[in-house]
Amino acid sequence: MLIAMAALILGAAGYAVLCAVKPFAPCRRCGGLGAVERFGKPKTCPRCHGRKLRLRVGRRAHNAWRRTHEAGTR
């Protein structure tokens, strides 16, 4: 049990460091290409709008927490 909790904490800490160092990741839908094939024709990816990157979930949560904290402490 203790080993599982330590592994979970280390995994979460590793993901937090990854979000701080590299906040953007390749788009999941287009694989970082910026285009998807629809009906045989290449189209701009609707998820990333051709930017090829997406903001990681952990970084998005951190940004929301930071905005909320700053708004509450003014």
PDB file of N, CA and C in Angstrom:
ATOM      1  N   MET A   1       0.819  -1.186   0.000  1.00  0.00           N
ATOM      2  CA  MET A   1       0.000   0.000   0.000  1.00  0.00           C
ATOM      3  C   MET A   1       0.870   1.259   0.000  1.00  0.00           C
ATOM      4  N   LEU A   2       1.891   1.258   0.816  1.00  0.00           N
ATOM      5  CA  LEU A   2       2.782   2.405   0.905  1.00  0.00           C
ATOM      6  C   LEU A   2       3.535   2.611  -0.408  1.00  0.00           C
ATOM      7  N   ILE A   3       3.930   1.519  -1.034  1.00  0.00           N
ATOM      8  CA  ILE A   3       4.647   1.614  -2.304  1.00  0.00           C
ATOM      9  C   ILE A   3       3.726   2.173  -3.389  1.00  0.00           C
ATOM     10  N   ALA A   4       2.478   1.752  -3.391  1.00  0.00           N
ATOM     11  CA  ALA A   4       1.522   2.243  -4.384  1.00  0.00           C
ATOM     12  C   ALA A   4       1.271   3.741  -4.201  1.00  0.00           C
ATOM     13  N   MET A   5       1.146   4.188  -2.959  1.00  0.00           N
ATOM     14  CA  MET A   5       0.937   5.611  -2.702  1.00  0.00           C
ATOM     15  C   MET A   5       2.161   6.420  -3.112  1.00  0.00           C
ATOM     16  N   ALA A   6       3.354   5.902  -2.826  1.00  0.00           N
ATOM     17  CA  ALA A   6       4.577   6.599  -3.217  1.00  0.00           C
ATOM     18  C   ALA A   6       4.692   6.679  -4.738  1.00  0.00           C
ATOM     19  N   ALA A   7       4.321   5.612  -5.431  1.00  0.00           N
ATOM     20  CA  ALA A   7       4.361   5.614  -6.890  1.00  0.00           C
ATOM     21  C   ALA A   7       3.364   6.621  -7.462  1.00  0.00           C
ATOM     22  N   LEU A   8       2.197   6.697  -6.855  1.00  0.00           N
ATOM     23  CA  LEU A   8       1.184   7.647  -7.303  1.00  0.00           C
ATOM     24  C   LEU A   8       1.647   9.085  -7.092  1.00  0.00           C
ATOM     25  N   ILE A   9       2.251   9.360  -5.960  1.00  0.00           N
ATOM     26  CA  ILE A   9       2.756  10.708  -5.675  1.00  0.00           C
ATOM     27  C   ILE A   9       3.905  11.065  -6.611  1.00  0.00           C
ATOM     28  N   LEU A  10       4.797  10.124  -6.867  1.00  0.00           N
ATOM     29  CA  LEU A  10       5.905  10.380  -7.786  1.00  0.00           C
ATOM     30  C   LEU A  10       5.396  10.600  -9.214  1.00  0.00           C
ATOM     31  N   GLY A  11       4.393   9.848  -9.607  1.00  0.00           N
ATOM     32  CA  GLY A  11       3.810  10.023 -10.934  1.00  0.00           C
ATOM     33  C   GLY A  11       3.162  11.382 -11.085  1.00  0.00           C
ATOM     34  N   ALA A  12       2.417  11.806 -10.065  1.00  0.00           N
ATOM     35  CA  ALA A  12       1.773  13.123 -10.100  1.00  0.00           C
ATOM     36  C   ALA A  12       2.814  14.239 -10.104  1.00  0.00           C
ATOM     37  N   ALA A  13       3.863  14.078  -9.331  1.00  0.00           N
ATOM     38  CA  ALA A  13       4.925  15.085  -9.302  1.00  0.00           C
ATOM     39  C   ALA A  13       5.643  15.145 -10.650  1.00  0.00           C
ATOM     40  N   GLY A  14       5.870  14.004 -11.248  1.00  0.00           N
ATOM     41  CA  GLY A  14       6.505  13.968 -12.565  1.00  0.00           C
ATOM     42  C   GLY A  14       5.653  14.646 -13.620  1.00  0.00           C
ATOM     43  N   TYR A  15       4.338  14.425 -13.566  1.00  0.00           N
ATOM     44  CA  TYR A  15       3.437  15.072 -14.517  1.00  0.00           C
ATOM     45  C   TYR A  15       3.393  16.577 -14.284  1.00  0.00           C
ATOM     46  N   ALA A  16       3.445  17.014 -13.040  1.00  0.00           N
ATOM     47  CA  ALA A  16       3.456  18.445 -12.736  1.00  0.00           C
ATOM     48  C   ALA A  16       4.723  19.100 -13.290  1.00  0.00           C
ATOM     49  N   VAL A  17       5.853  18.427 -13.153  1.00  0.00           N
ATOM     50  CA  VAL A  17       7.103  18.956 -13.712  1.00  0.00           C
ATOM     51  C   VAL A  17       7.010  19.011 -15.234  1.00  0.00           C
ATOM     52  N   LEU A  18       6.447  17.964 -15.849  1.00  0.00           N
ATOM     53  CA  LEU A  18       6.292  17.941 -17.298  1.00  0.00           C
ATOM     54  C   LEU A  18       5.406  19.085 -17.771  1.00  0.00           C
ATOM     55  N   CYS A  19       4.330  19.357 -17.054  1.00  0.00           N
ATOM     56  CA  CYS A  19       3.437  20.464 -17.418  1.00  0.00           C
ATOM     57  C   CYS A  19       4.116  21.811 -17.267  1.00  0.00           C
ATOM     58  N   ALA A  20       5.017  21.937 -16.313  1.00  0.00           N
ATOM     59  CA  ALA A  20       5.727  23.198 -16.117  1.00  0.00           C
ATOM     60  C   ALA A  20       6.796  23.405 -17.186  1.00  0.00           C
ATOM     61  N   VAL A  21       7.489  22.335 -17.546  1.00  0.00           N
ATOM     62  CA  VAL A  21       8.585  22.434 -18.511  1.00  0.00           C
ATOM     63  C   VAL A  21       8.070  22.488 -19.943  1.00  0.00           C
ATOM     64  N   LYS A  22       7.099  21.652 -20.249  1.00  0.00           N
ATOM     65  CA  LYS A  22       6.585  21.545 -21.615  1.00  0.00           C
ATOM     66  C   LYS A  22       5.059  21.576 -21.572  1.00  0.00           C
ATOM     67  N   PRO A  23       4.447  22.780 -21.508  1.00  0.00           N
ATOM     68  CA  PRO A  23       3.001  22.869 -21.320  1.00  0.00           C
ATOM     69  C   PRO A  23       2.179  22.435 -22.531  1.00  0.00           C
ATOM     70  N   PHE A  24       2.768  22.394 -23.707  1.00  0.00           N
ATOM     71  CA  PHE A  24       2.035  22.004 -24.900  1.00  0.00           C
ATOM     72  C   PHE A  24       2.442  20.608 -25.352  1.00  0.00           C
ATOM     73  N   ALA A  25       1.461  19.869 -25.882  1.00  0.00           N
ATOM     74  CA  ALA A  25       1.680  18.520 -26.391  1.00  0.00           C
ATOM     75  C   ALA A  25       1.070  18.438 -27.786  1.00  0.00           C
ATOM     76  N   PRO A  26       1.474  17.465 -28.591  1.00  0.00           N
ATOM     77  CA  PRO A  26       0.859  17.323 -29.910  1.00  0.00           C
ATOM     78  C   PRO A  26      -0.638  17.053 -29.793  1.00  0.00           C
ATOM     79  N   CYS A  27      -1.400  17.564 -30.733  1.00  0.00           N
ATOM     80  CA  CYS A  27      -2.841  17.358 -30.760  1.00  0.00           C
ATOM     81  C   CYS A  27      -3.134  15.863 -30.859  1.00  0.00           C
ATOM     82  N   ARG A  28      -4.107  15.400 -30.094  1.00  0.00           N
ATOM     83  CA  ARG A  28      -4.450  13.981 -30.106  1.00  0.00           C
ATOM     84  C   ARG A  28      -5.174  13.570 -31.378  1.00  0.00           C
ATOM     85  N   ARG A  29      -5.942  14.457 -31.922  1.00  0.00           N
ATOM     86  CA  ARG A  29      -6.763  14.096 -33.084  1.00  0.00           C
ATOM     87  C   ARG A  29      -5.946  13.990 -34.368  1.00  0.00           C
ATOM     88  N   CYS A  30      -5.070  14.968 -34.617  1.00  0.00           N
ATOM     89  CA  CYS A  30      -4.293  14.956 -35.858  1.00  0.00           C
ATOM     90  C   CYS A  30      -2.879  14.433 -35.656  1.00  0.00           C
ATOM     91  N   GLY A  31      -2.498  14.155 -34.425  1.00  0.00           N
ATOM     92  CA  GLY A  31      -1.158  13.640 -34.161  1.00  0.00           C
ATOM     93  C   GLY A  31      -0.065  14.674 -34.361  1.00  0.00           C
ATOM     94  N   GLY A  32      -0.419  15.942 -34.305  1.00  0.00           N
ATOM     95  CA  GLY A  32       0.565  17.007 -34.459  1.00  0.00           C
ATOM     96  C   GLY A  32       0.793  17.400 -35.907  1.00  0.00           C
ATOM     97  N   LEU A  33      -0.058  16.968 -36.826  1.00  0.00           N
ATOM     98  CA  LEU A  33       0.092  17.312 -38.237  1.00  0.00           C
ATOM     99  C   LEU A  33      -0.658  18.581 -38.618  1.00  0.00           C
ATOM    100  N   GLY A  34      -1.710  18.909 -37.886  1.00  0.00           N
ATOM    101  CA  GLY A  34      -2.493  20.099 -38.175  1.00  0.00           C
ATOM    102  C   GLY A  34      -3.604  19.868 -39.175  1.00  0.00           C
ATOM    103  N   ALA A  35      -3.701  18.663 -39.726  1.00  0.00           N
ATOM    104  CA  ALA A  35      -4.747  18.357 -40.699  1.00  0.00           C
ATOM    105  C   ALA A  35      -5.236  16.937 -40.488  1.00  0.00           C
ATOM    106  N   VAL A  36      -6.497  16.708 -40.781  1.00  0.00           N
ATOM    107  CA  VAL A  36      -7.086  15.374 -40.737  1.00  0.00           C
ATOM    108  C   VAL A  36      -7.736  15.102 -42.087  1.00  0.00           C
ATOM    109  N   GLU A  37      -7.871  13.838 -42.396  1.00  0.00           N
ATOM    110  CA  GLU A  37      -8.487  13.474 -43.661  1.00  0.00           C
ATOM    111  C   GLU A  37      -9.961  13.193 -43.427  1.00  0.00           C
ATOM    112  N   ARG A  38     -10.816  13.936 -44.116  1.00  0.00           N
ATOM    113  CA  ARG A  38     -12.258  13.757 -44.002  1.00  0.00           C
ATOM    114  C   ARG A  38     -12.826  13.538 -45.390  1.00  0.00           C
ATOM    115  N   PHE A  39     -13.498  12.444 -45.552  1.00  0.00           N
ATOM    116  CA  PHE A  39     -14.110  12.096 -46.837  1.00  0.00           C
ATOM    117  C   PHE A  39     -13.092  12.113 -47.965  1.00  0.00           C
ATOM    118  N   GLY A  40     -11.860  11.695 -47.669  1.00  0.00           N
ATOM    119  CA  GLY A  40     -10.815  11.600 -48.684  1.00  0.00           C
ATOM    120  C   GLY A  40     -10.070  12.884 -48.963  1.00  0.00           C
ATOM    121  N   LYS A  41     -10.411  13.964 -48.287  1.00  0.00           N
ATOM    122  CA  LYS A  41      -9.738  15.249 -48.514  1.00  0.00           C
ATOM    123  C   LYS A  41      -9.106  15.733 -47.217  1.00  0.00           C
ATOM    124  N   PRO A  42      -7.914  16.288 -47.293  1.00  0.00           N
ATOM    125  CA  PRO A  42      -7.307  16.847 -46.069  1.00  0.00           C
ATOM    126  C   PRO A  42      -8.002  18.139 -45.662  1.00  0.00           C
ATOM    127  N   LYS A  43      -8.336  18.241 -44.375  1.00  0.00           N
ATOM    128  CA  LYS A  43      -8.971  19.441 -43.824  1.00  0.00           C
ATOM    129  C   LYS A  43      -8.197  19.875 -42.588  1.00  0.00           C
ATOM    130  N   THR A  44      -8.344  21.127 -42.218  1.00  0.00           N
ATOM    131  CA  THR A  44      -7.727  21.635 -40.996  1.00  0.00           C
ATOM    132  C   THR A  44      -8.322  20.902 -39.803  1.00  0.00           C
ATOM    133  N   CYS A  45      -7.482  20.542 -38.873  1.00  0.00           N
ATOM    134  CA  CYS A  45      -7.930  19.804 -37.689  1.00  0.00           C
ATOM    135  C   CYS A  45      -8.919  20.661 -36.890  1.00  0.00           C
ATOM    136  N   PRO A  46     -10.117  20.128 -36.590  1.00  0.00           N
ATOM    137  CA  PRO A  46     -11.096  20.926 -35.851  1.00  0.00           C
ATOM    138  C   PRO A  46     -10.754  21.099 -34.373  1.00  0.00           C
ATOM    139  N   ARG A  47      -9.928  20.231 -33.840  1.00  0.00           N
ATOM    140  CA  ARG A  47      -9.594  20.335 -32.420  1.00  0.00           C
ATOM    141  C   ARG A  47      -8.525  21.391 -32.155  1.00  0.00           C
ATOM    142  N   CYS A  48      -7.450  21.381 -32.945  1.00  0.00           N
ATOM    143  CA  CYS A  48      -6.355  22.334 -32.700  1.00  0.00           C
ATOM    144  C   CYS A  48      -6.363  23.498 -33.686  1.00  0.00           C
ATOM    145  N   HIS A  49      -7.285  23.500 -34.641  1.00  0.00           N
ATOM    146  CA  HIS A  49      -7.413  24.554 -35.649  1.00  0.00           C
ATOM    147  C   HIS A  49      -6.124  24.751 -36.441  1.00  0.00           C
ATOM    148  N   GLY A  50      -5.412  23.656 -36.696  1.00  0.00           N
ATOM    149  CA  GLY A  50      -4.200  23.703 -37.500  1.00  0.00           C
ATOM    150  C   GLY A  50      -2.959  24.151 -36.761  1.00  0.00           C
ATOM    151  N   ARG A  51      -3.053  24.391 -35.457  1.00  0.00           N
ATOM    152  CA  ARG A  51      -1.896  24.849 -34.681  1.00  0.00           C
ATOM    153  C   ARG A  51      -0.978  23.709 -34.268  1.00  0.00           C
ATOM    154  N   LYS A  52      -1.421  22.476 -34.409  1.00  0.00           N
ATOM    155  CA  LYS A  52      -0.649  21.256 -34.175  1.00  0.00           C
ATOM    156  C   LYS A  52      -0.376  20.947 -32.710  1.00  0.00           C
ATOM    157  N   LEU A  53      -0.706  21.845 -31.807  1.00  0.00           N
ATOM    158  CA  LEU A  53      -0.428  21.633 -30.387  1.00  0.00           C
ATOM    159  C   LEU A  53      -1.682  21.860 -29.558  1.00  0.00           C
ATOM    160  N   ARG A  54      -1.691  21.300 -28.365  1.00  0.00           N
ATOM    161  CA  ARG A  54      -2.786  21.502 -27.425  1.00  0.00           C
ATOM    162  C   ARG A  54      -2.177  21.742 -26.053  1.00  0.00           C
ATOM    163  N   LEU A  55      -2.912  22.413 -25.197  1.00  0.00           N
ATOM    164  CA  LEU A  55      -2.469  22.652 -23.833  1.00  0.00           C
ATOM    165  C   LEU A  55      -2.760  21.410 -23.000  1.00  0.00           C
ATOM    166  N   ARG A  56      -1.797  20.970 -22.226  1.00  0.00           N
ATOM    167  CA  ARG A  56      -1.989  19.772 -21.404  1.00  0.00           C
ATOM    168  C   ARG A  56      -3.054  20.013 -20.346  1.00  0.00           C
ATOM    169  N   VAL A  57      -3.714  18.942 -19.932  1.00  0.00           N
ATOM    170  CA  VAL A  57      -4.791  19.031 -18.955  1.00  0.00           C
ATOM    171  C   VAL A  57      -4.277  19.600 -17.632  1.00  0.00           C
ATOM    172  N   GLY A  58      -3.121  19.160 -17.188  1.00  0.00           N
ATOM    173  CA  GLY A  58      -2.558  19.654 -15.934  1.00  0.00           C
ATOM    174  C   GLY A  58      -2.227  21.135 -15.989  1.00  0.00           C
ATOM    175  N   ARG A  59      -1.734  21.585 -17.129  1.00  0.00           N
ATOM    176  CA  ARG A  59      -1.411  23.007 -17.270  1.00  0.00           C
ATOM    177  C   ARG A  59      -2.688  23.836 -17.315  1.00  0.00           C
ATOM    178  N   ARG A  60      -3.719  23.308 -17.971  1.00  0.00           N
ATOM    179  CA  ARG A  60      -5.006  24.006 -18.024  1.00  0.00           C
ATOM    180  C   ARG A  60      -5.586  24.144 -16.617  1.00  0.00           C
ATOM    181  N   ALA A  61      -5.484  23.096 -15.812  1.00  0.00           N
ATOM    182  CA  ALA A  61      -5.979  23.139 -14.434  1.00  0.00           C
ATOM    183  C   ALA A  61      -5.167  24.142 -13.613  1.00  0.00           C
ATOM    184  N   HIS A  62      -3.858  24.151 -13.814  1.00  0.00           N
ATOM    185  CA  HIS A  62      -2.997  25.091 -13.081  1.00  0.00           C
ATOM    186  C   HIS A  62      -3.342  26.535 -13.442  1.00  0.00           C
ATOM    187  N   ASN A  63      -3.544  26.802 -14.727  1.00  0.00           N
ATOM    188  CA  ASN A  63      -3.897  28.159 -15.158  1.00  0.00           C
ATOM    189  C   ASN A  63      -5.229  28.600 -14.560  1.00  0.00           C
ATOM    190  N   ALA A  64      -6.212  27.694 -14.529  1.00  0.00           N
ATOM    191  CA  ALA A  64      -7.520  28.032 -13.957  1.00  0.00           C
ATOM    192  C   ALA A  64      -7.394  28.310 -12.459  1.00  0.00           C
ATOM    193  N   TRP A  65      -6.612  27.478 -11.758  1.00  0.00           N
ATOM    194  CA  TRP A  65      -6.409  27.689 -10.320  1.00  0.00           C
ATOM    195  C   TRP A  65      -5.719  29.024 -10.069  1.00  0.00           C
ATOM    196  N   ARG A  66      -4.714  29.347 -10.895  1.00  0.00           N
ATOM    197  CA  ARG A  66      -3.985  30.598 -10.718  1.00  0.00           C
ATOM    198  C   ARG A  66      -4.876  31.810 -10.968  1.00  0.00           C
ATOM    199  N   ARG A  67      -5.711  31.751 -12.015  1.00  0.00           N
ATOM    200  CA  ARG A  67      -6.638  32.860 -12.291  1.00  0.00           C
ATOM    201  C   ARG A  67      -7.623  33.046 -11.144  1.00  0.00           C
ATOM    202  N   THR A  68      -8.147  31.946 -10.611  1.00  0.00           N
ATOM    203  CA  THR A  68      -9.091  32.012  -9.505  1.00  0.00           C
ATOM    204  C   THR A  68      -8.426  32.588  -8.257  1.00  0.00           C
ATOM    205  N   HIS A  69      -7.220  32.160  -7.981  1.00  0.00           N
ATOM    206  CA  HIS A  69      -6.499  32.645  -6.808  1.00  0.00           C
ATOM    207  C   HIS A  69      -6.195  34.125  -6.930  1.00  0.00           C
ATOM    208  N   GLU A  70      -5.744  34.556  -8.104  1.00  0.00           N
ATOM    209  CA  GLU A  70      -5.442  35.975  -8.298  1.00  0.00           C
ATOM    210  C   GLU A  70      -6.689  36.848  -8.215  1.00  0.00           C
ATOM    211  N   ALA A  71      -7.816  36.340  -8.716  1.00  0.00           N
ATOM    212  CA  ALA A  71      -9.056  37.103  -8.653  1.00  0.00           C
ATOM    213  C   ALA A  71      -9.577  37.215  -7.213  1.00  0.00           C
ATOM    214  N   GLY A  72      -9.309  36.219  -6.401  1.00  0.00           N
ATOM    215  CA  GLY A  72      -9.789  36.225  -5.023  1.00  0.00           C
ATOM    216  C   GLY A  72      -8.910  36.978  -4.050  1.00  0.00           C
ATOM    217  N   THR A  73      -7.668  37.282  -4.435  1.00  0.00           N
ATOM    218  CA  THR A  73      -6.748  37.937  -3.509  1.00  0.00           C
ATOM    219  C   THR A  73      -6.546  39.411  -3.836  1.00  0.00           C
ATOM    220  N   ARG A  74      -7.273  39.938  -4.784  1.00  0.00           N
ATOM    221  CA  ARG A  74      -7.099  41.353  -5.132  1.00  0.00           C
ATOM    222  C   ARG A  74      -7.793  42.247  -4.155  1.00  0.00           C
TER     223      ARG A  74
END
